[in-house]
N, C-alpha and C. Protein backbone atom coordinates (compact mmCIF):
# COMPACT_ATOMS: atom_id res chain seq x y z
N MET A 1 24.10 5.79 9.65
CA MET A 1 23.91 7.12 9.12
C MET A 1 22.43 7.40 8.95
N ALA A 2 22.05 8.63 9.17
CA ALA A 2 20.64 9.01 9.16
C ALA A 2 20.01 8.87 7.79
N PHE A 3 20.79 9.10 6.74
CA PHE A 3 20.17 9.04 5.42
C PHE A 3 19.78 7.61 5.04
N LEU A 4 20.41 6.61 5.65
CA LEU A 4 20.02 5.23 5.37
C LEU A 4 18.62 4.93 5.90
N SER A 5 18.30 5.46 7.08
CA SER A 5 16.95 5.25 7.59
C SER A 5 15.94 6.02 6.75
N THR A 6 16.35 7.17 6.21
CA THR A 6 15.46 7.92 5.31
C THR A 6 15.19 7.12 4.05
N ILE A 7 16.21 6.48 3.52
CA ILE A 7 16.02 5.63 2.33
C ILE A 7 15.08 4.47 2.65
N ASN A 8 15.20 3.90 3.84
CA ASN A 8 14.29 2.82 4.24
C ASN A 8 12.84 3.31 4.32
N ILE A 9 12.64 4.50 4.84
CA ILE A 9 11.30 5.08 4.95
C ILE A 9 10.71 5.30 3.56
N ILE A 10 11.52 5.90 2.68
CA ILE A 10 11.06 6.14 1.31
C ILE A 10 10.75 4.82 0.62
N GLY A 11 11.61 3.84 0.80
CA GLY A 11 11.40 2.52 0.19
C GLY A 11 10.13 1.85 0.68
N SER A 12 9.83 2.02 1.96
CA SER A 12 8.59 1.42 2.48
C SER A 12 7.37 2.06 1.84
N GLY A 13 7.43 3.38 1.61
CA GLY A 13 6.33 4.07 0.94
C GLY A 13 6.18 3.63 -0.50
N LEU A 14 7.29 3.49 -1.21
CA LEU A 14 7.24 3.04 -2.60
C LEU A 14 6.66 1.63 -2.70
N THR A 15 7.10 0.75 -1.81
CA THR A 15 6.61 -0.63 -1.82
C THR A 15 5.12 -0.69 -1.50
N ALA A 16 4.69 0.07 -0.50
CA ALA A 16 3.28 0.06 -0.10
C ALA A 16 2.39 0.59 -1.22
N GLN A 17 2.78 1.68 -1.85
CA GLN A 17 1.95 2.25 -2.91
C GLN A 17 1.96 1.38 -4.16
N HIS A 18 3.07 0.69 -4.41
CA HIS A 18 3.11 -0.24 -5.54
C HIS A 18 2.12 -1.38 -5.32
N LEU A 19 2.09 -1.91 -4.10
CA LEU A 19 1.13 -2.96 -3.78
C LEU A 19 -0.30 -2.45 -3.89
N ARG A 20 -0.52 -1.23 -3.44
CA ARG A 20 -1.86 -0.63 -3.54
C ARG A 20 -2.31 -0.54 -4.99
N LEU A 21 -1.41 -0.14 -5.89
CA LEU A 21 -1.73 -0.07 -7.31
C LEU A 21 -2.00 -1.46 -7.89
N ASP A 22 -1.27 -2.46 -7.41
CA ASP A 22 -1.52 -3.84 -7.86
C ASP A 22 -2.92 -4.30 -7.46
N VAL A 23 -3.32 -4.00 -6.23
CA VAL A 23 -4.65 -4.40 -5.75
C VAL A 23 -5.74 -3.66 -6.52
N ILE A 24 -5.53 -2.38 -6.79
CA ILE A 24 -6.49 -1.61 -7.58
C ILE A 24 -6.62 -2.22 -8.97
N SER A 25 -5.51 -2.62 -9.57
CA SER A 25 -5.54 -3.25 -10.89
C SER A 25 -6.34 -4.55 -10.86
N GLU A 26 -6.16 -5.32 -9.79
CA GLU A 26 -6.93 -6.56 -9.65
C GLU A 26 -8.43 -6.25 -9.54
N ASN A 27 -8.78 -5.22 -8.79
CA ASN A 27 -10.19 -4.84 -8.66
C ASN A 27 -10.78 -4.46 -10.01
N VAL A 28 -10.07 -3.63 -10.77
CA VAL A 28 -10.58 -3.19 -12.08
C VAL A 28 -10.68 -4.38 -13.03
N THR A 29 -9.71 -5.27 -12.97
CA THR A 29 -9.73 -6.44 -13.85
C THR A 29 -10.96 -7.31 -13.58
N ASN A 30 -11.37 -7.38 -12.34
CA ASN A 30 -12.49 -8.26 -11.96
C ASN A 30 -13.81 -7.51 -11.80
N ILE A 31 -13.95 -6.37 -12.46
CA ILE A 31 -15.14 -5.55 -12.29
C ILE A 31 -16.41 -6.25 -12.77
N ASN A 32 -16.29 -7.23 -13.64
CA ASN A 32 -17.46 -7.95 -14.15
C ASN A 32 -17.45 -9.44 -13.79
N THR A 33 -16.60 -9.84 -12.86
CA THR A 33 -16.49 -11.25 -12.49
C THR A 33 -17.63 -11.63 -11.55
N THR A 34 -18.51 -12.49 -12.03
CA THR A 34 -19.67 -12.89 -11.23
C THR A 34 -19.48 -14.25 -10.56
N ARG A 35 -18.38 -14.94 -10.86
CA ARG A 35 -18.10 -16.23 -10.24
C ARG A 35 -16.65 -16.28 -9.77
N THR A 36 -16.47 -16.70 -8.54
CA THR A 36 -15.12 -16.91 -8.01
C THR A 36 -15.03 -18.31 -7.44
N GLU A 37 -13.83 -18.71 -7.08
CA GLU A 37 -13.62 -20.04 -6.49
C GLU A 37 -14.34 -20.17 -5.15
N GLU A 38 -14.46 -19.05 -4.42
CA GLU A 38 -15.15 -19.07 -3.13
C GLU A 38 -16.66 -19.10 -3.30
N GLY A 39 -17.12 -18.85 -4.50
CA GLY A 39 -18.56 -18.78 -4.77
C GLY A 39 -19.02 -17.35 -4.71
N GLY A 40 -19.92 -16.99 -5.59
CA GLY A 40 -20.43 -15.63 -5.62
C GLY A 40 -19.52 -14.73 -6.43
N PRO A 41 -19.87 -13.45 -6.52
CA PRO A 41 -19.07 -12.51 -7.31
C PRO A 41 -17.78 -12.11 -6.60
N TYR A 42 -16.92 -11.49 -7.38
CA TYR A 42 -15.66 -10.96 -6.85
C TYR A 42 -15.96 -9.87 -5.83
N ARG A 43 -15.23 -9.89 -4.73
CA ARG A 43 -15.38 -8.86 -3.71
C ARG A 43 -14.16 -7.95 -3.75
N ARG A 44 -14.41 -6.65 -3.80
CA ARG A 44 -13.36 -5.63 -3.87
C ARG A 44 -12.38 -5.78 -2.71
N LYS A 45 -11.11 -5.57 -3.02
CA LYS A 45 -10.07 -5.64 -2.00
C LYS A 45 -9.50 -4.24 -1.75
N VAL A 46 -9.11 -3.99 -0.52
CA VAL A 46 -8.49 -2.72 -0.14
C VAL A 46 -7.23 -3.01 0.68
N VAL A 47 -6.24 -2.16 0.53
CA VAL A 47 -4.98 -2.30 1.26
C VAL A 47 -5.06 -1.48 2.53
N VAL A 48 -4.68 -2.08 3.64
CA VAL A 48 -4.70 -1.41 4.94
C VAL A 48 -3.25 -1.12 5.34
N PHE A 49 -2.94 0.18 5.50
CA PHE A 49 -1.60 0.60 5.89
C PHE A 49 -1.53 0.89 7.38
N GLU A 50 -0.30 0.81 7.90
CA GLU A 50 -0.05 1.18 9.29
C GLU A 50 1.26 1.95 9.34
N ALA A 51 1.26 3.06 10.04
CA ALA A 51 2.48 3.85 10.19
C ALA A 51 3.42 3.15 11.17
N MET A 52 4.68 3.12 10.81
CA MET A 52 5.71 2.62 11.73
C MET A 52 6.37 3.85 12.34
N ASP A 53 6.31 3.96 13.64
CA ASP A 53 6.74 5.16 14.33
C ASP A 53 8.22 5.43 14.14
N GLY A 54 9.06 4.44 14.38
CA GLY A 54 10.48 4.61 14.20
C GLY A 54 11.18 5.32 15.34
N ARG A 55 10.47 5.64 16.38
CA ARG A 55 11.09 6.32 17.52
C ARG A 55 11.47 5.29 18.58
N GLU A 56 12.63 5.51 19.11
CA GLU A 56 13.10 4.65 20.19
C GLU A 56 13.06 5.42 21.50
N SER A 57 12.87 4.68 22.55
CA SER A 57 12.93 5.33 23.85
C SER A 57 14.40 5.58 24.21
N PHE A 58 14.61 6.49 25.13
CA PHE A 58 15.97 6.80 25.57
C PHE A 58 16.63 5.54 26.15
N ARG A 59 15.85 4.75 26.85
CA ARG A 59 16.37 3.52 27.45
C ARG A 59 16.88 2.56 26.38
N ASP A 60 16.15 2.43 25.26
CA ASP A 60 16.57 1.54 24.18
C ASP A 60 17.86 2.02 23.52
N VAL A 61 17.96 3.33 23.33
CA VAL A 61 19.17 3.90 22.73
C VAL A 61 20.37 3.65 23.64
N MET A 62 20.20 3.88 24.93
CA MET A 62 21.30 3.68 25.88
C MET A 62 21.70 2.20 25.97
N ALA A 63 20.72 1.32 25.96
CA ALA A 63 21.03 -0.12 26.02
C ALA A 63 21.80 -0.54 24.78
N ARG A 64 21.42 -0.02 23.62
CA ARG A 64 22.12 -0.37 22.38
C ARG A 64 23.54 0.18 22.42
N ALA A 65 23.71 1.41 22.92
CA ALA A 65 25.04 2.01 23.02
C ALA A 65 25.92 1.23 24.01
N ARG A 66 25.33 0.81 25.11
CA ARG A 66 26.07 0.07 26.13
C ARG A 66 26.56 -1.27 25.58
N SER A 67 25.76 -1.89 24.72
CA SER A 67 26.14 -3.19 24.17
C SER A 67 27.12 -3.06 23.01
N GLY A 68 27.43 -1.83 22.61
CA GLY A 68 28.40 -1.62 21.54
C GLY A 68 27.79 -1.45 20.17
N MET A 69 26.48 -1.56 20.08
CA MET A 69 25.81 -1.36 18.79
C MET A 69 25.50 0.13 18.64
N VAL A 70 26.24 0.79 17.80
CA VAL A 70 26.03 2.22 17.63
C VAL A 70 24.94 2.48 16.60
N SER A 71 24.91 1.69 15.55
CA SER A 71 23.95 1.91 14.46
C SER A 71 22.74 1.01 14.64
N ASN A 72 21.60 1.48 14.18
CA ASN A 72 20.41 0.64 14.19
C ASN A 72 20.02 0.25 12.77
N ALA A 73 20.99 0.26 11.85
CA ALA A 73 20.72 -0.10 10.45
C ALA A 73 20.23 -1.54 10.39
N GLY A 74 19.24 -1.77 9.58
CA GLY A 74 18.70 -3.10 9.40
C GLY A 74 17.62 -3.46 10.39
N GLN A 75 17.38 -2.63 11.38
CA GLN A 75 16.32 -2.91 12.33
C GLN A 75 15.02 -2.31 11.84
N GLU A 76 13.91 -2.80 12.33
CA GLU A 76 12.60 -2.39 11.83
C GLU A 76 12.08 -1.09 12.44
N ASN A 77 12.85 -0.42 13.27
CA ASN A 77 12.33 0.77 13.93
C ASN A 77 12.75 2.06 13.24
N THR A 78 12.90 2.02 11.92
CA THR A 78 13.31 3.22 11.20
C THR A 78 12.14 4.10 10.79
N GLY A 79 10.94 3.66 10.96
CA GLY A 79 9.78 4.44 10.57
C GLY A 79 9.32 4.06 9.18
N GLY A 80 8.31 4.76 8.70
CA GLY A 80 7.78 4.48 7.38
C GLY A 80 6.36 3.96 7.47
N VAL A 81 6.02 3.10 6.54
CA VAL A 81 4.69 2.53 6.46
C VAL A 81 4.80 1.04 6.13
N ARG A 82 3.83 0.29 6.57
CA ARG A 82 3.80 -1.12 6.21
C ARG A 82 2.37 -1.52 5.92
N VAL A 83 2.23 -2.57 5.15
CA VAL A 83 0.91 -3.09 4.81
C VAL A 83 0.53 -4.09 5.89
N VAL A 84 -0.60 -3.83 6.55
CA VAL A 84 -1.07 -4.71 7.61
C VAL A 84 -1.83 -5.88 7.01
N GLU A 85 -2.70 -5.58 6.06
CA GLU A 85 -3.48 -6.64 5.42
C GLU A 85 -4.09 -6.13 4.12
N ILE A 86 -4.53 -7.09 3.33
CA ILE A 86 -5.35 -6.78 2.16
C ILE A 86 -6.73 -7.30 2.52
N ALA A 87 -7.61 -6.38 2.84
CA ALA A 87 -8.94 -6.73 3.35
C ALA A 87 -9.97 -6.71 2.22
N GLU A 88 -11.06 -7.41 2.44
CA GLU A 88 -12.16 -7.39 1.49
C GLU A 88 -13.16 -6.32 1.91
N ASP A 89 -13.66 -5.59 0.93
CA ASP A 89 -14.65 -4.54 1.17
C ASP A 89 -15.99 -5.19 1.50
N PRO A 90 -16.58 -4.91 2.67
CA PRO A 90 -17.81 -5.59 3.08
C PRO A 90 -19.10 -5.00 2.48
N THR A 91 -18.99 -3.99 1.61
CA THR A 91 -20.21 -3.39 1.07
C THR A 91 -20.99 -4.41 0.24
N ASP A 92 -22.28 -4.14 0.09
CA ASP A 92 -23.17 -5.06 -0.62
C ASP A 92 -22.82 -5.12 -2.10
N PHE A 93 -23.15 -6.28 -2.68
CA PHE A 93 -22.98 -6.44 -4.12
C PHE A 93 -24.08 -5.67 -4.86
N LYS A 94 -23.78 -5.30 -6.10
CA LYS A 94 -24.79 -4.66 -6.94
C LYS A 94 -25.67 -5.75 -7.53
N LEU A 95 -26.93 -5.44 -7.75
CA LEU A 95 -27.87 -6.39 -8.36
C LEU A 95 -28.27 -5.89 -9.74
N LYS A 96 -28.30 -6.80 -10.69
CA LYS A 96 -28.73 -6.48 -12.04
C LYS A 96 -29.77 -7.52 -12.46
N TYR A 97 -30.87 -7.05 -13.01
CA TYR A 97 -31.92 -7.97 -13.45
C TYR A 97 -31.56 -8.50 -14.83
N ASP A 98 -31.29 -9.81 -14.89
CA ASP A 98 -30.99 -10.48 -16.16
C ASP A 98 -31.30 -11.96 -15.99
N PRO A 99 -32.56 -12.36 -16.20
CA PRO A 99 -32.93 -13.76 -15.98
C PRO A 99 -32.25 -14.73 -16.94
N THR A 100 -31.64 -14.23 -18.03
CA THR A 100 -30.96 -15.12 -18.98
C THR A 100 -29.53 -15.44 -18.57
N ASP A 101 -29.01 -14.73 -17.62
CA ASP A 101 -27.63 -14.96 -17.17
C ASP A 101 -27.58 -16.27 -16.39
N PRO A 102 -26.58 -17.11 -16.64
CA PRO A 102 -26.47 -18.37 -15.91
C PRO A 102 -26.22 -18.21 -14.41
N ASP A 103 -25.74 -17.03 -13.99
CA ASP A 103 -25.49 -16.78 -12.56
C ASP A 103 -26.67 -16.11 -11.87
N ALA A 104 -27.80 -15.95 -12.58
CA ALA A 104 -28.98 -15.30 -12.00
C ALA A 104 -29.61 -16.19 -10.95
N ASN A 105 -30.15 -15.56 -9.90
CA ASN A 105 -30.86 -16.33 -8.87
C ASN A 105 -32.28 -16.64 -9.36
N GLU A 106 -33.07 -17.24 -8.50
CA GLU A 106 -34.42 -17.64 -8.90
C GLU A 106 -35.33 -16.45 -9.23
N ASP A 107 -34.99 -15.26 -8.74
CA ASP A 107 -35.77 -14.07 -9.06
C ASP A 107 -35.28 -13.37 -10.33
N GLY A 108 -34.19 -13.87 -10.93
CA GLY A 108 -33.66 -13.30 -12.16
C GLY A 108 -32.59 -12.24 -11.95
N TYR A 109 -32.13 -12.05 -10.72
CA TYR A 109 -31.11 -11.04 -10.43
C TYR A 109 -29.72 -11.67 -10.37
N VAL A 110 -28.77 -10.96 -10.91
CA VAL A 110 -27.36 -11.38 -10.89
C VAL A 110 -26.62 -10.46 -9.92
N GLU A 111 -25.86 -11.06 -9.02
CA GLU A 111 -25.02 -10.27 -8.12
C GLU A 111 -23.73 -9.89 -8.85
N LEU A 112 -23.45 -8.59 -8.90
CA LEU A 112 -22.23 -8.10 -9.53
C LEU A 112 -21.25 -7.68 -8.45
N PRO A 113 -19.96 -7.65 -8.78
CA PRO A 113 -18.96 -7.24 -7.79
C PRO A 113 -19.23 -5.85 -7.23
N ASN A 114 -18.75 -5.60 -6.03
CA ASN A 114 -18.93 -4.30 -5.38
C ASN A 114 -17.81 -3.34 -5.75
N VAL A 115 -17.32 -3.46 -6.97
CA VAL A 115 -16.24 -2.61 -7.47
C VAL A 115 -16.86 -1.44 -8.23
N ASP A 116 -16.47 -0.22 -7.84
CA ASP A 116 -16.93 1.00 -8.50
C ASP A 116 -15.73 1.59 -9.25
N LEU A 117 -15.85 1.68 -10.57
CA LEU A 117 -14.73 2.13 -11.40
C LEU A 117 -14.26 3.54 -11.03
N VAL A 118 -15.19 4.43 -10.72
CA VAL A 118 -14.80 5.80 -10.35
C VAL A 118 -13.97 5.79 -9.07
N LYS A 119 -14.37 4.99 -8.11
CA LYS A 119 -13.63 4.89 -6.84
C LYS A 119 -12.23 4.30 -7.09
N GLU A 120 -12.16 3.30 -7.95
CA GLU A 120 -10.87 2.67 -8.24
C GLU A 120 -9.93 3.64 -8.95
N ILE A 121 -10.46 4.41 -9.90
CA ILE A 121 -9.62 5.38 -10.61
C ILE A 121 -9.14 6.45 -9.64
N THR A 122 -10.01 6.90 -8.75
CA THR A 122 -9.63 7.90 -7.75
C THR A 122 -8.54 7.36 -6.83
N ASP A 123 -8.71 6.12 -6.38
CA ASP A 123 -7.68 5.50 -5.53
C ASP A 123 -6.36 5.33 -6.28
N ALA A 124 -6.45 4.97 -7.56
CA ALA A 124 -5.24 4.80 -8.36
C ALA A 124 -4.51 6.13 -8.53
N MET A 125 -5.27 7.20 -8.73
CA MET A 125 -4.64 8.52 -8.85
C MET A 125 -3.96 8.92 -7.54
N ALA A 126 -4.60 8.66 -6.42
CA ALA A 126 -4.01 8.98 -5.12
C ALA A 126 -2.75 8.16 -4.87
N ALA A 127 -2.79 6.87 -5.20
CA ALA A 127 -1.62 6.01 -5.02
C ALA A 127 -0.49 6.45 -5.93
N SER A 128 -0.81 6.83 -7.15
CA SER A 128 0.20 7.29 -8.09
C SER A 128 0.85 8.59 -7.61
N GLN A 129 0.04 9.51 -7.07
CA GLN A 129 0.59 10.76 -6.53
C GLN A 129 1.51 10.50 -5.33
N SER A 130 1.10 9.57 -4.49
CA SER A 130 1.92 9.23 -3.33
C SER A 130 3.23 8.58 -3.76
N TYR A 131 3.15 7.71 -4.75
CA TYR A 131 4.35 7.06 -5.29
C TYR A 131 5.29 8.12 -5.85
N SER A 132 4.74 9.06 -6.63
CA SER A 132 5.54 10.14 -7.21
C SER A 132 6.18 11.01 -6.13
N ALA A 133 5.45 11.27 -5.06
CA ALA A 133 5.99 12.07 -3.96
C ALA A 133 7.17 11.36 -3.32
N ASN A 134 7.09 10.04 -3.18
CA ASN A 134 8.21 9.28 -2.63
C ASN A 134 9.42 9.32 -3.57
N VAL A 135 9.19 9.24 -4.87
CA VAL A 135 10.29 9.33 -5.84
C VAL A 135 10.93 10.70 -5.76
N THR A 136 10.13 11.74 -5.67
CA THR A 136 10.66 13.10 -5.54
C THR A 136 11.49 13.25 -4.27
N THR A 137 11.00 12.69 -3.18
CA THR A 137 11.73 12.74 -1.91
C THR A 137 13.07 12.03 -2.04
N PHE A 138 13.08 10.90 -2.72
CA PHE A 138 14.32 10.17 -2.93
C PHE A 138 15.31 10.99 -3.76
N ASN A 139 14.80 11.66 -4.80
CA ASN A 139 15.68 12.49 -5.63
C ASN A 139 16.24 13.67 -4.85
N VAL A 140 15.44 14.26 -3.97
CA VAL A 140 15.94 15.35 -3.12
C VAL A 140 17.03 14.82 -2.18
N LEU A 141 16.81 13.65 -1.61
CA LEU A 141 17.81 13.05 -0.72
C LEU A 141 19.11 12.80 -1.48
N LYS A 142 19.02 12.33 -2.71
CA LYS A 142 20.22 12.11 -3.52
C LYS A 142 20.99 13.41 -3.73
N SER A 143 20.27 14.49 -4.00
CA SER A 143 20.96 15.77 -4.23
C SER A 143 21.58 16.29 -2.93
N VAL A 144 20.93 16.08 -1.80
CA VAL A 144 21.48 16.49 -0.51
C VAL A 144 22.77 15.70 -0.23
N ILE A 145 22.74 14.40 -0.46
CA ILE A 145 23.93 13.58 -0.23
C ILE A 145 25.05 14.01 -1.17
N SER A 146 24.69 14.26 -2.44
CA SER A 146 25.69 14.70 -3.41
C SER A 146 26.31 16.04 -3.00
N SER A 147 25.48 16.95 -2.53
CA SER A 147 26.00 18.24 -2.07
C SER A 147 26.89 18.08 -0.86
N GLY A 148 26.53 17.17 0.01
CA GLY A 148 27.37 16.92 1.19
C GLY A 148 28.71 16.35 0.81
N LEU A 149 28.74 15.50 -0.22
CA LEU A 149 30.01 14.96 -0.68
C LEU A 149 30.87 16.01 -1.35
N GLU A 150 30.23 16.98 -2.00
CA GLU A 150 30.96 18.08 -2.65
C GLU A 150 31.64 18.97 -1.61
N ILE A 151 31.03 19.12 -0.45
CA ILE A 151 31.62 19.96 0.61
C ILE A 151 32.93 19.36 1.08
N GLY A 152 33.00 18.04 1.09
CA GLY A 152 34.21 17.38 1.57
C GLY A 152 35.38 17.45 0.62
N ARG A 153 35.20 17.90 -0.59
CA ARG A 153 36.30 17.97 -1.56
C ARG A 153 37.26 19.08 -1.28
């Protein structure tokens, strides 16, 4: 049924935006972290999304029909979005002059994470709006399905 693939698309959006909010939270949490296990300050992370087309060629549809598989439920070609990777932001670290800091270099400068709070809040607002839009879409789909069931009575 078509509404099942719509639910899968909505679910992929909800999952992707939830992960995006988690990564943003990690960035904000580490805004002052000057030491990591890898050495150096914390490096900002960003989520990279990729659209899943969800379109099948006519040949694929015919081959599936010929083999007796009418539905494509559970297959990955329903469309939506997926997370390709969580990448590190390559921008330069901020420098702060503080010769008393134990992480200061020989010139007295401390490398701070490349996390900008304003950028993180803006990204969080965008992710939250996208998440809300997916929830709204899901609620509309529920009402459409409910209305369709009422017609059958």
